[in-house]
Protein backbone atom coordinates (compact mmCIF):
# COMPACT_ATOMS: atom_id res chain seq x y z
CA MET A 1 -22.04 184.33 195.72
CA ASP A 2 -20.73 184.46 191.81
CA GLU A 3 -23.38 181.96 189.23
CA PHE A 4 -21.65 181.39 186.01
CA THR A 5 -23.36 180.50 182.16
CA PRO A 6 -21.93 177.07 181.12
CA TYR A 7 -19.81 178.68 178.74
CA GLU A 8 -18.62 181.31 181.31
CA THR A 9 -17.97 178.43 183.42
CA ALA A 10 -15.83 176.95 180.42
CA LEU A 11 -13.13 179.27 179.94
CA LEU A 12 -12.70 179.37 183.27
CA CYS A 13 -11.57 176.25 183.86
CA GLY A 14 -10.75 174.79 180.22
CA GLY A 15 -10.49 177.16 178.21
CA PRO A 16 -12.18 178.39 174.77
CA THR A 17 -11.30 174.87 173.42
CA ARG A 18 -13.80 174.26 176.15
CA ALA A 19 -16.48 176.88 175.74
CA ALA A 20 -16.98 175.29 172.00
CA ARG A 21 -17.16 171.50 172.98
CA VAL A 22 -20.23 172.52 176.05
CA ALA A 23 -21.89 174.48 172.56
CA LEU A 24 -21.21 171.12 170.48
CA LEU A 25 -22.97 168.93 173.61
CA ALA A 26 -25.90 170.87 174.27
CA LEU A 27 -27.03 170.78 170.44
CA TYR A 28 -25.74 167.02 170.36
CA GLU A 29 -27.86 167.02 173.37
CA LYS A 30 -30.81 168.44 172.20
CA ARG A 31 -30.29 166.39 168.55
CA ARG A 32 -29.21 169.27 166.94
CA VAL A 33 -25.81 168.31 165.22
CA ARG A 34 -24.73 164.05 164.51
CA VAL A 35 -21.56 162.92 164.94
CA SER A 36 -19.50 160.52 163.92
CA ARG A 37 -17.31 158.24 165.51
CA GLY A 38 -15.45 157.31 162.48
CA THR A 39 -14.81 159.70 160.20
CA ARG A 40 -15.36 163.11 162.65
CA ARG A 41 -17.21 164.54 161.00
CA VAL A 42 -20.49 166.87 162.41
CA THR A 43 -22.79 167.17 160.99
CA VAL A 44 -26.63 169.57 161.48
CA VAL A 45 -29.91 168.09 161.94
CA GLU A 46 -32.11 171.14 162.88
CA ARG A 47 -30.79 174.65 162.41
CA GLU A 48 -31.98 176.32 165.92
CA ALA A 49 -29.58 177.96 168.58
CA GLU A 50 -30.82 178.51 171.84
CA ASP A 51 -28.06 180.91 172.33
CA ALA A 52 -24.81 183.23 170.78
CA VAL A 53 -22.49 180.53 170.61
CA GLN A 54 -24.20 177.34 169.32
CA ALA A 55 -25.87 179.66 166.41
CA ALA A 56 -22.02 180.43 165.72
CA LEU A 57 -21.08 176.63 165.61
CA LEU A 58 -24.35 175.87 163.20
CA ASP A 59 -22.73 179.00 160.85
CA GLU A 60 -19.56 176.79 160.76
CA VAL A 61 -20.53 173.38 159.38
CA PRO A 62 -21.98 173.68 155.09
CA ASP A 63 -25.17 171.14 155.16
CA THR A 64 -22.54 168.45 154.25
CA GLY A 65 -21.29 168.84 157.26
CA PHE A 66 -17.71 169.11 157.77
CA GLN A 67 -14.64 168.12 160.75
CA LEU A 68 -15.45 168.12 163.48
CA GLY A 69 -12.30 169.18 165.12
CA TYR A 70 -11.89 172.65 162.63
CA VAL A 71 -14.91 173.56 163.52
CA LEU A 72 -13.56 173.58 167.03
CA ASP A 73 -11.03 175.55 166.72
CA ALA A 74 -13.31 178.09 164.23
CA VAL A 75 -15.53 178.77 167.46
CA ALA A 76 -13.39 178.87 170.09
CA GLU A 77 -12.00 181.90 168.13
CA SER A 78 -15.25 183.69 167.57
CA ASP A 79 -16.01 187.01 168.43
CA GLU A 80 -19.25 184.69 170.06
CA VAL A 81 -16.47 183.28 172.47
CA ALA A 82 -14.64 186.20 173.05
CA ALA A 83 -17.29 187.90 174.11
CA VAL A 84 -18.54 185.47 177.13
CA ALA A 85 -14.46 186.12 177.74
CA GLY A 86 -14.81 189.99 178.09
CA GLY A 87 -17.48 189.29 180.10
CA LEU A 88 -14.47 188.10 182.06
CA VAL A 89 -12.40 190.53 182.35
CA GLU A 90 -15.12 192.81 182.78
CA ARG A 91 -15.12 190.36 186.19
CA GLY A 92 -12.23 190.62 187.25
CA LEU A 93 -11.37 186.28 186.67
CA LEU A 94 -9.43 187.38 183.63
CA ARG A 95 -7.26 188.62 182.38
CA ARG A 96 -4.52 189.45 178.97
CA GLY A 97 -1.27 188.37 179.76
CA PHE A 98 1.42 187.27 176.72
CA ARG A 99 0.33 187.85 173.52
CA GLY A 100 -2.97 188.96 174.76
CA ARG A 101 -3.23 184.90 176.27
CA LEU A 102 -6.36 185.27 178.98
CA ARG A 103 -5.23 183.82 181.99
CA PRO A 104 -7.05 183.59 185.25
CA THR A 105 -6.50 186.11 187.20
CA ARG A 106 -6.97 185.21 191.22
CA LYS A 107 -10.15 186.04 192.04
CA GLY A 108 -10.17 183.94 189.10
CA LYS A 109 -8.33 180.42 189.80
CA ALA A 110 -10.12 180.89 193.23
CA ALA A 111 -13.31 180.81 191.37
CA ARG A 112 -12.53 178.07 189.45
CA ARG A 113 -10.99 175.69 192.12
CA ARG A 114 -15.04 176.26 193.08
CA LEU A 115 -16.37 175.57 190.43
CA ARG A 116 -14.58 171.90 189.91
CA ALA A 117 -14.92 170.69 193.60
CA ASP A 118 -18.46 171.90 192.94
CA ALA A 119 -18.84 169.78 189.23
CA GLY A 120 -17.11 166.70 191.02
CA SER A 121 -19.31 166.96 194.35
CA GLY A 122 -22.83 167.40 191.89
CA THR A 123 -23.29 170.73 194.29
CA PRO A 124 -24.91 173.23 191.86
CA SER A 125 -23.13 176.13 193.80
CA GLY A 126 -22.37 178.94 191.41
CA LEU A 127 -22.57 176.72 188.69
CA GLY A 128 -26.18 178.12 186.81
CA VAL A 129 -28.68 175.39 187.23
CA LEU A 130 -31.83 175.21 189.09
CA LYS A 131 -31.83 175.60 192.95
CA GLY A 132 -31.16 172.40 194.60
CA ALA A 133 -30.07 169.77 191.34
CA ALA A 134 -27.39 168.33 190.54
CA PRO A 135 -24.56 169.86 187.43
CA ASP A 136 -25.96 168.93 184.08
CA ALA A 137 -23.70 166.94 181.48
CA VAL A 138 -23.21 170.53 179.66
CA THR A 139 -22.73 172.15 183.52
CA ARG A 140 -20.01 168.73 183.77
CA LEU A 141 -17.68 169.24 180.67
CA ALA A 142 -17.65 172.76 181.43
CA ALA A 143 -16.02 172.76 184.49
CA LEU A 144 -14.12 169.37 184.12
CA GLY A 145 -13.39 168.94 180.58
CA THR A 146 -14.11 165.94 178.74
CA ALA A 147 -13.45 163.78 180.86
CA ALA A 148 -17.12 164.28 182.64
CA VAL A 149 -18.87 163.12 179.07
CA GLU A 150 -20.50 160.20 179.68
CA ASP A 151 -21.84 158.87 176.07
CA ALA A 152 -18.13 157.13 175.00
CA LYS A 153 -18.63 158.14 172.00
CA LEU A 154 -19.03 161.78 171.74
CA ARG A 155 -16.38 161.39 174.82
CA HIS A 156 -14.08 159.50 172.06
CA VAL A 157 -14.32 162.01 169.50
CA MET A 158 -13.87 164.90 171.03
CA GLU A 159 -10.65 163.53 172.60
CA MET A 160 -9.03 162.71 169.31
CA ASP A 161 -6.53 165.65 166.99
CA ASN A 162 -7.64 166.95 164.19
CA PRO A 163 -6.12 165.14 161.05
CA LYS A 164 -3.55 165.83 159.34
CA PRO A 165 -2.99 166.93 155.65
CA LEU A 166 -2.34 163.97 153.37
CA ASP A 167 1.91 164.24 152.98
CA LEU A 168 1.43 162.93 148.52
CA PRO A 169 4.82 162.04 146.88
CA TYR A 170 5.57 165.57 144.46
CA ASP A 171 4.62 163.60 141.12
CA TRP A 172 1.30 162.97 142.47
CA ALA A 173 0.65 166.88 143.92
CA LEU A 174 1.38 167.80 140.15
CA ASN A 175 -0.75 164.93 137.98
CA GLY A 176 -3.26 166.12 140.31
CA VAL A 177 -3.69 169.77 139.66
CA ASN A 178 -6.17 170.06 136.48
CA ARG A 179 -3.81 173.36 134.65
CA ASN A 180 -6.53 175.41 133.16
CA THR A 181 -7.67 176.14 136.57
CA SER A 182 -4.68 175.81 139.07
CA GLN A 183 -7.07 173.10 141.43
CA SER A 184 -5.49 170.98 143.10
CA ARG A 185 -7.50 167.88 143.13
CA LEU A 186 -8.09 167.17 146.75
CA SER A 187 -11.23 168.25 148.32
CA ASP A 188 -10.44 171.53 150.23
CA THR A 189 -12.03 170.32 153.71
CA GLN A 190 -8.46 168.12 153.94
CA TYR A 191 -6.23 171.18 154.20
CA SER A 192 -8.93 173.26 155.66
CA GLY A 193 -7.71 175.36 158.87
CA TYR A 194 -7.69 178.95 161.11
CA ALA A 195 -5.29 181.35 162.91
CA TYR A 196 -2.77 180.36 165.97
CA ASN A 197 -5.24 181.10 168.66
CA ILE A 198 -3.94 183.44 171.15
CA TRP A 199 -5.72 182.43 174.36
CA ASP A 200 -4.32 179.16 175.61
CA ASN A 201 -7.30 176.82 174.27
CA ASN A 202 -5.79 174.19 177.04
CA ASP A 203 -8.97 171.52 177.78
CA GLY A 204 -6.65 169.02 180.14
CA SER A 205 -6.77 168.79 183.95
CA GLY A 206 -3.76 170.43 184.20
CA ASN A 207 -3.50 174.80 184.50
CA TYR A 208 -4.82 176.71 182.73
């Protein structure tokens, strides 16, 4: 019977964004990052990663912290997550469809159903955890999504949408530009974003 890492489980059951959330939760549980509910800002406490995806997440966060949504978007599109997905493609569990979007194959869908059922029932089968142990919080998030996150604060922040760019009056924008440098007064974090992800990032309980 196949066994899956939490990242592989996340990709099969929810997509690249869920894989990024798995890395976040693992770091959060070890108190290596903090997440503010009020500002939805993630800051690093300790830059120690246990795998490449965690390292990619930590690299996206400057010392001053950064908006969580943008960090998760970047990690979802990272080479590290792509490498995990590539392994699932080689195993015949994912395939590349329209515009390169990754979709589960028939074999992948069967594995996904089993992983979700096992995580929901507390069965360790196929979940890559210690023999005889129930799935931990990270593995449950990977298989079931944010609804499985027991920490209400973190669950709420994970589910929030990215803040929208400020819609400022035209005259304010003109006054806010330094004509010598052509730089706006706005912080770059207010307009930060990442390229369109060609993968399906659905992290809900619906079809992926």
